[in-house]
Amino acid sequence: MATYTTATTANNIPAVGGSSIPRVMSAVINMSTQTNSAGDIFEMLEIPANTLVLCSGIDILSADTAGNSGTVILGDGSDDNRYVAAAATTSAGQMTPVTSTGTNYVYAAADTIDIKTATGAMNGLLRAWAVVASLDSQGLKTDTDSQTLTFA
């Protein structure tokens, strides 16, 4: 089992007019060009501290044909299946449904949303996505807010 950290920043739809406007983050991984085996973790989306994840999921863009009946899970450093407990990668076009579990999660510290191979090596094309909103005024990876009110 290995953990792979992305060398590329995920594509974001920028928040216009302020950091607290929800935005979509997404990243695609081609498992046919990436060495992988059961239990490998791919850090897909960098989530800054003080971020609310409204929902997250996986899209199967190209089906796995490696013959392992591959499944993947989607989570983070604290809960490896926070967002998706199991998604079969054998059918292209499949999208994980947004459910009440794993929604509206607040990250107090920076983390990543990760795809983990659950059952074996695969060769599909997968997209991890998340709808996020910053809870601080800067939208940075660290908590830099300071008090802006005066109390009597």
N, C-alpha and C. Protein backbone atom coordinates (compact mmCIF):
# COMPACT_ATOMS: atom_id res chain seq x y z
N MET A 1 0.85 -1.17 0.00
CA MET A 1 0.00 0.00 0.00
C MET A 1 0.89 1.23 0.00
N ALA A 2 0.59 2.16 -0.90
CA ALA A 2 1.37 3.39 -1.01
C ALA A 2 0.44 4.59 -1.00
N THR A 3 0.99 5.75 -0.63
CA THR A 3 0.25 7.01 -0.71
C THR A 3 0.92 7.88 -1.75
N TYR A 4 0.14 8.35 -2.72
CA TYR A 4 0.65 9.18 -3.79
C TYR A 4 0.12 10.60 -3.60
N THR A 5 1.04 11.57 -3.54
CA THR A 5 0.67 12.97 -3.41
C THR A 5 0.73 13.61 -4.78
N THR A 6 -0.31 14.36 -5.12
CA THR A 6 -0.36 14.99 -6.42
C THR A 6 0.70 16.09 -6.55
N ALA A 7 1.26 16.20 -7.72
CA ALA A 7 2.23 17.26 -8.00
C ALA A 7 1.54 18.44 -8.67
N THR A 8 0.25 18.31 -8.91
CA THR A 8 -0.51 19.34 -9.59
C THR A 8 -1.63 19.82 -8.69
N THR A 9 -1.90 21.11 -8.73
CA THR A 9 -3.02 21.65 -7.98
C THR A 9 -4.30 21.30 -8.71
N ALA A 10 -5.33 20.91 -7.96
CA ALA A 10 -6.61 20.57 -8.57
C ALA A 10 -7.21 21.79 -9.26
N ASN A 11 -8.00 21.53 -10.31
CA ASN A 11 -8.67 22.63 -11.00
C ASN A 11 -9.82 23.12 -10.15
N ASN A 12 -9.85 24.41 -9.94
CA ASN A 12 -10.91 25.01 -9.13
C ASN A 12 -11.71 25.98 -9.97
N ILE A 13 -12.99 26.06 -9.72
CA ILE A 13 -13.78 27.14 -10.26
C ILE A 13 -13.66 28.26 -9.23
N PRO A 14 -12.97 29.35 -9.56
CA PRO A 14 -12.67 30.35 -8.55
C PRO A 14 -13.93 31.01 -7.99
N ALA A 15 -13.85 31.35 -6.73
CA ALA A 15 -14.93 32.07 -6.08
C ALA A 15 -14.84 33.53 -6.50
N VAL A 16 -15.88 34.03 -7.13
CA VAL A 16 -15.90 35.42 -7.57
C VAL A 16 -16.57 36.26 -6.50
N GLY A 17 -15.91 37.33 -6.10
CA GLY A 17 -16.52 38.26 -5.16
C GLY A 17 -16.27 37.93 -3.70
N GLY A 18 -15.50 36.92 -3.40
CA GLY A 18 -15.20 36.60 -2.01
C GLY A 18 -14.91 35.13 -1.83
N SER A 19 -14.17 34.80 -0.77
CA SER A 19 -13.75 33.42 -0.56
C SER A 19 -14.85 32.54 0.00
N SER A 20 -15.95 33.12 0.48
CA SER A 20 -16.98 32.30 1.10
C SER A 20 -18.02 31.79 0.11
N ILE A 21 -17.89 32.13 -1.14
CA ILE A 21 -18.81 31.63 -2.15
C ILE A 21 -18.44 30.20 -2.49
N PRO A 22 -19.40 29.27 -2.48
CA PRO A 22 -19.07 27.87 -2.79
C PRO A 22 -18.45 27.74 -4.18
N ARG A 23 -17.54 26.78 -4.30
CA ARG A 23 -16.90 26.51 -5.59
C ARG A 23 -16.74 25.00 -5.74
N VAL A 24 -16.48 24.60 -6.96
CA VAL A 24 -16.28 23.18 -7.26
C VAL A 24 -14.80 22.94 -7.48
N MET A 25 -14.28 21.91 -6.83
CA MET A 25 -12.91 21.46 -7.05
C MET A 25 -13.00 20.10 -7.72
N SER A 26 -12.08 19.82 -8.64
CA SER A 26 -12.06 18.48 -9.24
C SER A 26 -10.66 18.15 -9.73
N ALA A 27 -10.39 16.87 -9.79
CA ALA A 27 -9.12 16.38 -10.30
C ALA A 27 -9.37 15.01 -10.92
N VAL A 28 -8.65 14.71 -12.00
CA VAL A 28 -8.81 13.45 -12.72
C VAL A 28 -7.54 12.63 -12.59
N ILE A 29 -7.69 11.33 -12.40
CA ILE A 29 -6.55 10.42 -12.37
C ILE A 29 -6.78 9.31 -13.39
N ASN A 30 -5.74 9.03 -14.17
CA ASN A 30 -5.77 7.96 -15.15
C ASN A 30 -5.02 6.77 -14.53
N MET A 31 -5.76 5.79 -14.06
CA MET A 31 -5.17 4.65 -13.39
C MET A 31 -4.36 3.76 -14.34
N SER A 32 -4.57 3.91 -15.66
CA SER A 32 -3.80 3.10 -16.61
C SER A 32 -2.36 3.61 -16.76
N THR A 33 -2.12 4.86 -16.37
CA THR A 33 -0.76 5.40 -16.45
C THR A 33 -0.14 5.58 -15.07
N GLN A 34 -0.87 5.21 -14.04
CA GLN A 34 -0.41 5.36 -12.65
C GLN A 34 -0.31 3.98 -12.00
N THR A 35 0.86 3.61 -11.52
CA THR A 35 1.01 2.35 -10.81
C THR A 35 0.07 2.34 -9.62
N ASN A 36 -0.68 1.25 -9.45
CA ASN A 36 -1.59 1.17 -8.31
C ASN A 36 -1.87 -0.27 -7.95
N SER A 37 -2.22 -0.47 -6.68
CA SER A 37 -2.61 -1.78 -6.17
C SER A 37 -3.59 -1.57 -5.03
N ALA A 38 -4.14 -2.65 -4.51
CA ALA A 38 -5.13 -2.56 -3.44
C ALA A 38 -4.56 -1.79 -2.25
N GLY A 39 -5.34 -0.85 -1.74
CA GLY A 39 -4.95 -0.08 -0.56
C GLY A 39 -4.17 1.18 -0.85
N ASP A 40 -3.83 1.45 -2.12
CA ASP A 40 -3.12 2.68 -2.44
C ASP A 40 -4.02 3.90 -2.25
N ILE A 41 -3.43 4.99 -1.81
CA ILE A 41 -4.15 6.23 -1.55
C ILE A 41 -3.63 7.31 -2.50
N PHE A 42 -4.54 7.97 -3.20
CA PHE A 42 -4.18 9.06 -4.10
C PHE A 42 -4.79 10.34 -3.58
N GLU A 43 -3.94 11.27 -3.15
CA GLU A 43 -4.39 12.55 -2.60
C GLU A 43 -4.83 13.43 -3.77
N MET A 44 -6.13 13.57 -3.95
CA MET A 44 -6.68 14.20 -5.14
C MET A 44 -6.94 15.70 -4.99
N LEU A 45 -7.57 16.11 -3.91
CA LEU A 45 -7.98 17.50 -3.74
C LEU A 45 -7.40 18.06 -2.44
N GLU A 46 -6.69 19.17 -2.52
CA GLU A 46 -6.15 19.82 -1.33
C GLU A 46 -7.24 20.70 -0.72
N ILE A 47 -7.59 20.40 0.53
CA ILE A 47 -8.62 21.15 1.23
C ILE A 47 -7.95 22.04 2.27
N PRO A 48 -8.11 23.36 2.15
CA PRO A 48 -7.49 24.27 3.12
C PRO A 48 -8.17 24.17 4.49
N ALA A 49 -7.47 24.64 5.52
CA ALA A 49 -8.06 24.74 6.85
C ALA A 49 -9.27 25.67 6.78
N ASN A 50 -10.22 25.44 7.67
CA ASN A 50 -11.44 26.27 7.77
C ASN A 50 -12.26 26.23 6.49
N THR A 51 -12.44 25.03 5.96
CA THR A 51 -13.22 24.83 4.74
C THR A 51 -14.39 23.90 5.04
N LEU A 52 -15.54 24.26 4.52
CA LEU A 52 -16.74 23.43 4.61
C LEU A 52 -16.88 22.67 3.29
N VAL A 53 -16.90 21.34 3.36
CA VAL A 53 -17.18 20.52 2.18
C VAL A 53 -18.66 20.21 2.21
N LEU A 54 -19.37 20.76 1.25
CA LEU A 54 -20.82 20.56 1.18
C LEU A 54 -21.15 19.15 0.71
N CYS A 55 -20.39 18.64 -0.25
CA CYS A 55 -20.54 17.26 -0.72
C CYS A 55 -19.34 16.92 -1.59
N SER A 56 -19.12 15.64 -1.81
CA SER A 56 -17.99 15.17 -2.61
C SER A 56 -18.34 13.82 -3.23
N GLY A 57 -17.71 13.51 -4.36
CA GLY A 57 -18.01 12.24 -5.00
C GLY A 57 -16.98 11.85 -6.04
N ILE A 58 -17.26 10.76 -6.75
CA ILE A 58 -16.39 10.22 -7.79
C ILE A 58 -17.22 10.01 -9.05
N ASP A 59 -16.66 10.39 -10.20
CA ASP A 59 -17.24 10.08 -11.50
C ASP A 59 -16.31 9.07 -12.18
N ILE A 60 -16.89 8.03 -12.76
CA ILE A 60 -16.12 7.04 -13.52
C ILE A 60 -16.17 7.49 -14.98
N LEU A 61 -15.07 8.07 -15.47
CA LEU A 61 -15.04 8.61 -16.82
C LEU A 61 -14.74 7.54 -17.86
N SER A 62 -13.94 6.56 -17.48
CA SER A 62 -13.61 5.44 -18.35
C SER A 62 -13.56 4.19 -17.47
N ALA A 63 -14.25 3.15 -17.90
CA ALA A 63 -14.39 1.95 -17.08
C ALA A 63 -13.07 1.21 -16.90
N ASP A 64 -12.94 0.56 -15.75
CA ASP A 64 -11.80 -0.30 -15.44
C ASP A 64 -11.96 -1.60 -16.21
N THR A 65 -10.91 -1.99 -16.92
CA THR A 65 -10.94 -3.25 -17.67
C THR A 65 -9.82 -4.19 -17.22
N ALA A 66 -9.25 -3.94 -16.05
CA ALA A 66 -8.13 -4.75 -15.57
C ALA A 66 -8.58 -6.13 -15.09
N GLY A 67 -9.89 -6.32 -14.91
CA GLY A 67 -10.39 -7.62 -14.52
C GLY A 67 -10.41 -7.89 -13.03
N ASN A 68 -10.22 -6.86 -12.21
CA ASN A 68 -10.22 -7.05 -10.75
C ASN A 68 -11.53 -6.66 -10.09
N SER A 69 -12.55 -6.35 -10.90
CA SER A 69 -13.81 -5.84 -10.37
C SER A 69 -13.52 -4.71 -9.39
N GLY A 70 -12.70 -3.78 -9.85
CA GLY A 70 -12.19 -2.72 -8.99
C GLY A 70 -13.24 -1.87 -8.32
N THR A 71 -12.99 -1.55 -7.07
CA THR A 71 -13.80 -0.57 -6.36
C THR A 71 -12.86 0.43 -5.71
N VAL A 72 -13.37 1.64 -5.55
CA VAL A 72 -12.61 2.71 -4.90
C VAL A 72 -13.47 3.33 -3.82
N ILE A 73 -12.80 3.95 -2.86
CA ILE A 73 -13.50 4.69 -1.81
C ILE A 73 -12.97 6.11 -1.82
N LEU A 74 -13.74 7.03 -1.24
CA LEU A 74 -13.36 8.44 -1.23
C LEU A 74 -13.49 8.97 0.19
N GLY A 75 -12.38 9.51 0.69
CA GLY A 75 -12.39 10.04 2.05
C GLY A 75 -11.26 11.02 2.25
N ASP A 76 -10.74 11.05 3.47
CA ASP A 76 -9.66 11.96 3.81
C ASP A 76 -8.71 11.29 4.79
N GLY A 77 -7.80 12.07 5.39
CA GLY A 77 -6.81 11.51 6.29
C GLY A 77 -7.38 10.97 7.59
N SER A 78 -8.59 11.41 7.96
CA SER A 78 -9.22 10.94 9.20
C SER A 78 -10.21 9.81 8.99
N ASP A 79 -10.87 9.79 7.84
CA ASP A 79 -11.90 8.79 7.55
C ASP A 79 -11.81 8.46 6.06
N ASP A 80 -11.23 7.30 5.74
CA ASP A 80 -10.95 7.00 4.33
C ASP A 80 -12.18 6.78 3.47
N ASN A 81 -13.36 6.63 4.09
CA ASN A 81 -14.59 6.52 3.29
C ASN A 81 -15.64 7.53 3.75
N ARG A 82 -15.19 8.71 4.13
CA ARG A 82 -16.11 9.76 4.59
C ARG A 82 -17.18 10.10 3.55
N TYR A 83 -16.81 10.10 2.26
CA TYR A 83 -17.74 10.54 1.22
C TYR A 83 -18.32 9.40 0.39
N VAL A 84 -17.52 8.40 0.06
CA VAL A 84 -18.00 7.27 -0.73
C VAL A 84 -17.44 5.99 -0.12
N ALA A 85 -18.34 5.10 0.31
CA ALA A 85 -17.91 3.85 0.96
C ALA A 85 -17.39 2.84 -0.06
N ALA A 86 -17.98 2.79 -1.25
CA ALA A 86 -17.52 1.88 -2.30
C ALA A 86 -18.17 2.28 -3.62
N ALA A 87 -17.33 2.44 -4.63
CA ALA A 87 -17.83 2.73 -5.98
C ALA A 87 -17.18 1.74 -6.93
N ALA A 88 -18.00 0.98 -7.66
CA ALA A 88 -17.48 0.06 -8.67
C ALA A 88 -16.98 0.87 -9.85
N THR A 89 -15.85 0.49 -10.39
CA THR A 89 -15.26 1.23 -11.51
C THR A 89 -15.44 0.52 -12.84
N THR A 90 -16.35 -0.44 -12.89
CA THR A 90 -16.50 -1.28 -14.08
C THR A 90 -17.46 -0.71 -15.12
N SER A 91 -18.12 0.43 -14.84
CA SER A 91 -19.05 1.03 -15.80
C SER A 91 -18.75 2.50 -15.99
N ALA A 92 -18.45 2.89 -17.22
CA ALA A 92 -18.20 4.31 -17.50
C ALA A 92 -19.49 5.11 -17.34
N GLY A 93 -19.35 6.34 -16.94
CA GLY A 93 -20.51 7.21 -16.78
C GLY A 93 -21.14 7.13 -15.41
N GLN A 94 -20.69 6.19 -14.61
CA GLN A 94 -21.25 6.05 -13.26
C GLN A 94 -20.81 7.21 -12.39
N MET A 95 -21.74 7.73 -11.61
CA MET A 95 -21.43 8.79 -10.66
C MET A 95 -21.94 8.38 -9.30
N THR A 96 -21.18 8.69 -8.29
CA THR A 96 -21.63 8.36 -6.95
C THR A 96 -22.72 9.35 -6.54
N PRO A 97 -23.78 8.85 -5.91
CA PRO A 97 -24.85 9.76 -5.49
C PRO A 97 -24.43 10.56 -4.26
N VAL A 98 -24.97 11.76 -4.16
CA VAL A 98 -24.74 12.58 -2.97
C VAL A 98 -25.76 12.14 -1.92
N THR A 99 -25.27 11.69 -0.78
CA THR A 99 -26.15 11.23 0.29
C THR A 99 -25.98 12.11 1.52
N SER A 100 -26.78 11.87 2.52
CA SER A 100 -26.71 12.69 3.73
C SER A 100 -25.46 12.41 4.56
N THR A 101 -24.86 11.24 4.38
CA THR A 101 -23.62 10.97 5.11
C THR A 101 -22.46 11.60 4.37
N GLY A 102 -21.53 12.16 5.08
CA GLY A 102 -20.36 12.76 4.46
C GLY A 102 -20.60 14.12 3.84
N THR A 103 -21.69 14.76 4.18
CA THR A 103 -21.93 16.11 3.68
C THR A 103 -21.76 17.10 4.82
N ASN A 104 -21.52 18.34 4.44
CA ASN A 104 -21.37 19.43 5.41
C ASN A 104 -20.32 19.12 6.46
N TYR A 105 -19.13 18.73 6.00
CA TYR A 105 -18.03 18.44 6.91
C TYR A 105 -17.06 19.62 6.92
N VAL A 106 -16.69 20.09 8.12
CA VAL A 106 -15.78 21.22 8.28
C VAL A 106 -14.38 20.71 8.59
N TYR A 107 -13.41 21.19 7.82
CA TYR A 107 -12.00 20.89 8.06
C TYR A 107 -11.38 22.02 8.86
N ALA A 108 -11.03 21.76 10.12
CA ALA A 108 -10.37 22.75 10.96
C ALA A 108 -8.90 22.89 10.56
N ALA A 109 -8.33 21.82 10.07
CA ALA A 109 -6.93 21.82 9.60
C ALA A 109 -6.91 21.38 8.14
N ALA A 110 -5.88 21.79 7.42
CA ALA A 110 -5.74 21.40 6.01
C ALA A 110 -5.66 19.88 5.90
N ASP A 111 -6.23 19.34 4.84
CA ASP A 111 -6.24 17.91 4.59
C ASP A 111 -6.38 17.70 3.09
N THR A 112 -6.50 16.47 2.67
CA THR A 112 -6.76 16.16 1.27
C THR A 112 -7.95 15.22 1.18
N ILE A 113 -8.67 15.31 0.08
CA ILE A 113 -9.70 14.31 -0.23
C ILE A 113 -9.01 13.29 -1.13
N ASP A 114 -9.12 12.02 -0.74
CA ASP A 114 -8.33 10.96 -1.34
C ASP A 114 -9.19 9.88 -1.98
N ILE A 115 -8.71 9.36 -3.10
CA ILE A 115 -9.26 8.13 -3.67
C ILE A 115 -8.37 6.99 -3.19
N LYS A 116 -8.99 5.96 -2.67
CA LYS A 116 -8.25 4.77 -2.22
C LYS A 116 -8.72 3.57 -3.02
N THR A 117 -7.76 2.82 -3.58
CA THR A 117 -8.12 1.60 -4.29
C THR A 117 -8.48 0.54 -3.24
N ALA A 118 -9.65 -0.03 -3.38
CA ALA A 118 -10.14 -0.93 -2.34
C ALA A 118 -9.88 -2.40 -2.66
N THR A 119 -9.97 -2.78 -3.94
CA THR A 119 -9.95 -4.21 -4.23
C THR A 119 -8.78 -4.69 -5.07
N GLY A 120 -8.09 -3.83 -5.76
CA GLY A 120 -6.96 -4.28 -6.58
C GLY A 120 -6.58 -3.26 -7.62
N ALA A 121 -5.54 -3.57 -8.38
CA ALA A 121 -5.08 -2.67 -9.43
C ALA A 121 -6.18 -2.46 -10.46
N MET A 122 -6.22 -1.25 -11.01
CA MET A 122 -7.25 -0.92 -12.01
C MET A 122 -6.66 0.00 -13.05
N ASN A 123 -7.40 0.19 -14.14
CA ASN A 123 -6.91 1.04 -15.22
C ASN A 123 -7.93 2.05 -15.71
N GLY A 124 -8.92 2.36 -14.93
CA GLY A 124 -9.96 3.31 -15.33
C GLY A 124 -9.52 4.76 -15.20
N LEU A 125 -10.38 5.66 -15.68
CA LEU A 125 -10.18 7.10 -15.58
C LEU A 125 -11.22 7.64 -14.61
N LEU A 126 -10.77 8.27 -13.53
CA LEU A 126 -11.66 8.68 -12.44
C LEU A 126 -11.54 10.17 -12.16
N ARG A 127 -12.66 10.79 -11.79
CA ARG A 127 -12.65 12.19 -11.36
C ARG A 127 -13.16 12.26 -9.92
N ALA A 128 -12.38 12.90 -9.05
CA ALA A 128 -12.85 13.22 -7.70
C ALA A 128 -13.29 14.67 -7.73
N TRP A 129 -14.39 14.97 -7.08
CA TRP A 129 -14.91 16.34 -7.05
C TRP A 129 -15.44 16.67 -5.67
N ALA A 130 -15.50 17.95 -5.37
CA ALA A 130 -16.07 18.42 -4.11
C ALA A 130 -16.61 19.82 -4.29
N VAL A 131 -17.70 20.10 -3.62
CA VAL A 131 -18.25 21.46 -3.55
C VAL A 131 -17.86 22.00 -2.19
N VAL A 132 -17.10 23.10 -2.18
CA VAL A 132 -16.50 23.61 -0.95
C VAL A 132 -16.78 25.10 -0.78
N ALA A 133 -16.70 25.55 0.47
CA ALA A 133 -16.79 26.98 0.79
C ALA A 133 -15.79 27.27 1.91
N SER A 134 -15.08 28.37 1.76
CA SER A 134 -14.13 28.77 2.79
C SER A 134 -14.89 29.40 3.96
N LEU A 135 -14.44 29.11 5.18
CA LEU A 135 -15.07 29.69 6.36
C LEU A 135 -14.23 30.81 6.97
N ASP A 136 -13.13 31.16 6.31
CA ASP A 136 -12.35 32.30 6.80
C ASP A 136 -12.33 33.39 5.73
N SER A 137 -11.80 34.54 6.06
CA SER A 137 -11.88 35.68 5.15
C SER A 137 -10.86 35.65 4.04
N GLN A 138 -9.84 34.80 4.15
CA GLN A 138 -8.78 34.79 3.17
C GLN A 138 -8.82 33.59 2.23
N GLY A 139 -9.41 32.48 2.66
CA GLY A 139 -9.41 31.28 1.85
C GLY A 139 -8.03 30.67 1.73
N LEU A 140 -7.20 30.81 2.77
CA LEU A 140 -5.84 30.30 2.76
C LEU A 140 -5.79 28.91 3.37
N LYS A 141 -4.62 28.26 3.29
CA LYS A 141 -4.46 26.92 3.84
C LYS A 141 -4.21 26.94 5.34
N THR A 142 -4.05 28.10 5.92
CA THR A 142 -3.86 28.20 7.37
C THR A 142 -4.86 29.21 7.92
N ASP A 143 -5.12 29.12 9.20
CA ASP A 143 -6.08 30.02 9.84
C ASP A 143 -5.37 31.33 10.18
N THR A 144 -5.66 32.37 9.41
CA THR A 144 -5.00 33.65 9.61
C THR A 144 -5.96 34.75 10.03
N ASP A 145 -7.20 34.40 10.29
CA ASP A 145 -8.17 35.42 10.69
C ASP A 145 -7.82 36.01 12.03
N SER A 146 -8.16 37.27 12.20
CA SER A 146 -8.00 37.92 13.49
C SER A 146 -9.32 38.61 13.84
N GLN A 147 -9.45 39.00 15.08
CA GLN A 147 -10.70 39.64 15.51
C GLN A 147 -10.90 40.95 14.77
N THR A 148 -12.11 41.16 14.25
CA THR A 148 -12.41 42.39 13.53
C THR A 148 -13.45 43.24 14.23
N LEU A 149 -13.94 42.77 15.38
CA LEU A 149 -14.95 43.49 16.15
C LEU A 149 -14.35 44.00 17.45
N THR A 150 -14.94 45.07 17.96
CA THR A 150 -14.55 45.59 19.27
C THR A 150 -15.75 45.43 20.19
N PHE A 151 -15.50 44.88 21.39
CA PHE A 151 -16.58 44.65 22.35
C PHE A 151 -16.42 45.58 23.53
N ALA A 152 -17.54 46.14 23.99
CA ALA A 152 -17.49 47.03 25.16
C ALA A 152 -17.88 46.30 26.41
